Protein backbone atom coordinates (compact mmCIF):
# COMPACT_ATOMS: atom_id res chain seq x y z
CA MET A 1 36.45 18.59 8.95
CA HIS A 2 38.58 15.52 9.65
CA GLY A 3 39.92 15.33 13.20
CA ALA A 4 37.85 18.26 14.43
CA ALA A 5 36.11 16.19 17.12
CA ALA A 6 39.35 15.91 19.10
CA ARG A 7 39.99 19.65 18.88
CA ASP A 8 39.60 21.54 22.12
CA CYS A 9 36.96 24.23 21.62
CA ARG A 10 35.42 26.42 24.31
CA TRP A 11 33.74 29.70 25.17
CA PHE A 12 35.92 32.57 26.38
CA GLY A 13 34.55 35.50 28.38
CA THR A 14 32.81 35.33 31.74
CA LYS A 15 29.20 36.52 32.11
CA PRO A 16 27.68 38.96 32.82
CA PHE A 17 30.44 41.38 31.72
CA CYS A 18 32.33 39.61 28.95
CA ASP A 19 35.44 40.46 27.04
CA GLY A 20 35.76 37.20 25.17
CA GLN A 21 39.09 36.88 23.39
CA CYS A 22 40.60 33.77 21.86
CA PRO A 23 43.95 32.71 23.32
CA LYS A 24 46.94 33.41 21.12
CA GLY A 25 47.08 30.89 18.29
CA TRP A 26 43.49 29.68 18.73
CA ASP A 27 40.93 30.04 15.93
CA TYR A 28 37.81 32.18 16.39
CA THR A 29 34.86 30.18 14.99
CA GLY A 30 32.62 33.20 14.42
CA GLN A 31 30.20 32.07 17.14
CA ARG A 32 29.35 34.67 19.78
CA ARG A 33 27.06 34.93 22.79
CA SER A 34 25.85 38.27 24.03
CA CYS A 35 26.50 39.35 27.61
CA THR A 36 25.34 42.36 29.63
CA THR A 37 28.36 44.11 28.13
CA GLY A 38 30.59 42.59 25.48
CA SER A 39 30.32 39.02 24.29
CA GLN A 40 31.70 35.54 24.69
CA ARG A 41 33.61 33.99 21.78
CA TYR A 42 33.79 30.33 20.85
CA CYS A 43 37.37 29.42 19.94
CA CYS A 44 39.21 26.24 18.97
CA GLU A 45 42.83 25.26 19.34
CA PRO A 46 44.78 25.11 16.06
CA LEU A 47 44.06 22.14 13.82
CA GLY A 48 47.66 20.95 14.03
CA SER A 49 47.24 20.38 17.75
CA THR A 50 45.07 17.33 17.20
CA THR A 51 46.82 15.58 14.34
CA THR A 52 48.70 12.46 15.39
CA VAL A 53 48.03 13.21 19.06
CA ASP A 54 50.15 10.26 20.19
CA LYS A 55 53.23 11.80 18.58
CA VAL A 56 52.70 15.31 19.99
CA ALA A 57 53.18 14.41 23.66
CA PRO A 58 53.13 11.01 25.38
CA CYS A 59 50.74 12.17 28.08
CA HIS A 60 48.08 13.09 25.49
CA LYS A 61 47.20 9.39 25.48
CA GLN A 62 46.01 9.91 29.04
CA CYS A 63 44.04 13.07 28.19
CA ALA A 64 41.91 11.70 25.34
CA PRO A 65 39.83 9.26 27.47
CA LEU A 66 38.68 12.20 29.60
CA LEU A 67 36.45 13.33 26.72
CA LYS A 68 34.29 10.23 27.22
CA ALA A 69 34.80 9.67 30.95
CA VAL A 70 33.64 13.06 32.31
CA ASN A 71 30.09 14.43 32.19
CA PRO A 72 28.58 16.80 31.17
CA VAL A 73 30.30 17.34 27.82
CA ALA A 74 31.27 20.93 28.66
CA GLU A 75 33.07 19.72 31.79
CA ALA A 76 34.79 16.96 29.80
CA ARG A 77 36.11 19.55 27.35
CA ARG A 78 37.33 21.77 30.21
CA VAL A 79 39.15 18.89 31.92
CA TYR A 80 40.57 17.66 28.61
CA GLY A 81 41.80 21.16 27.75
CA ASN A 82 43.46 21.45 31.15
CA CYS A 83 45.15 18.09 30.67
CA ARG A 84 46.45 19.20 27.26
CA ALA A 85 47.75 22.50 28.67
CA LEU A 86 49.65 20.64 31.36
CA CYS A 87 51.01 18.12 28.84
CA ASP A 88 52.14 20.81 26.43
CA HIS A 89 53.46 23.14 29.13
CA LYS A 90 51.62 26.05 27.52
CA GLY A 91 48.25 27.75 27.51
CA ASN A 92 45.76 28.26 30.29
CA ILE A 93 43.92 26.16 32.82
CA THR A 94 40.17 26.83 32.97
CA CYS A 95 38.77 26.64 36.49
CA PRO A 96 35.26 25.33 37.23
CA ASP A 97 34.00 28.91 37.70
CA GLY A 98 35.24 29.81 34.20
CA HIS A 99 38.25 31.98 35.03
CA GLN A 100 41.61 31.09 33.54
CA GLN A 101 45.12 30.89 34.87
CA SER A 102 48.48 30.00 33.37
CA TRP A 103 49.33 26.31 33.23
CA ARG A 104 52.27 27.23 35.49
CA ARG A 105 49.84 28.01 38.34
CA PRO A 106 47.04 25.49 37.78
CA LYS A 107 45.50 25.69 41.25
CA CYS A 108 41.99 27.19 41.03
């Protein structure tokens, strides 16, 4: 899949009692992880979100380097996704403990 590497993908649903749901507009990949009850789902933002990133929002240029600058990879994806949500003024911020909040209230 061309351009898929820049796509923001992540697990939704917090263990041990999960109710993993993809955010509106995100694609469910079919990957699941079992929890004590329910499951986590692995979801990716729409493909169109990563095409010509520089034209989508000027601040995306600042988000992309985070994918290589932050370790581990899972944390880089979380930080990158948060940067994109703030740039786009939509979606959710994922806190370090895994819970999510609206981009309008990004404080964890």
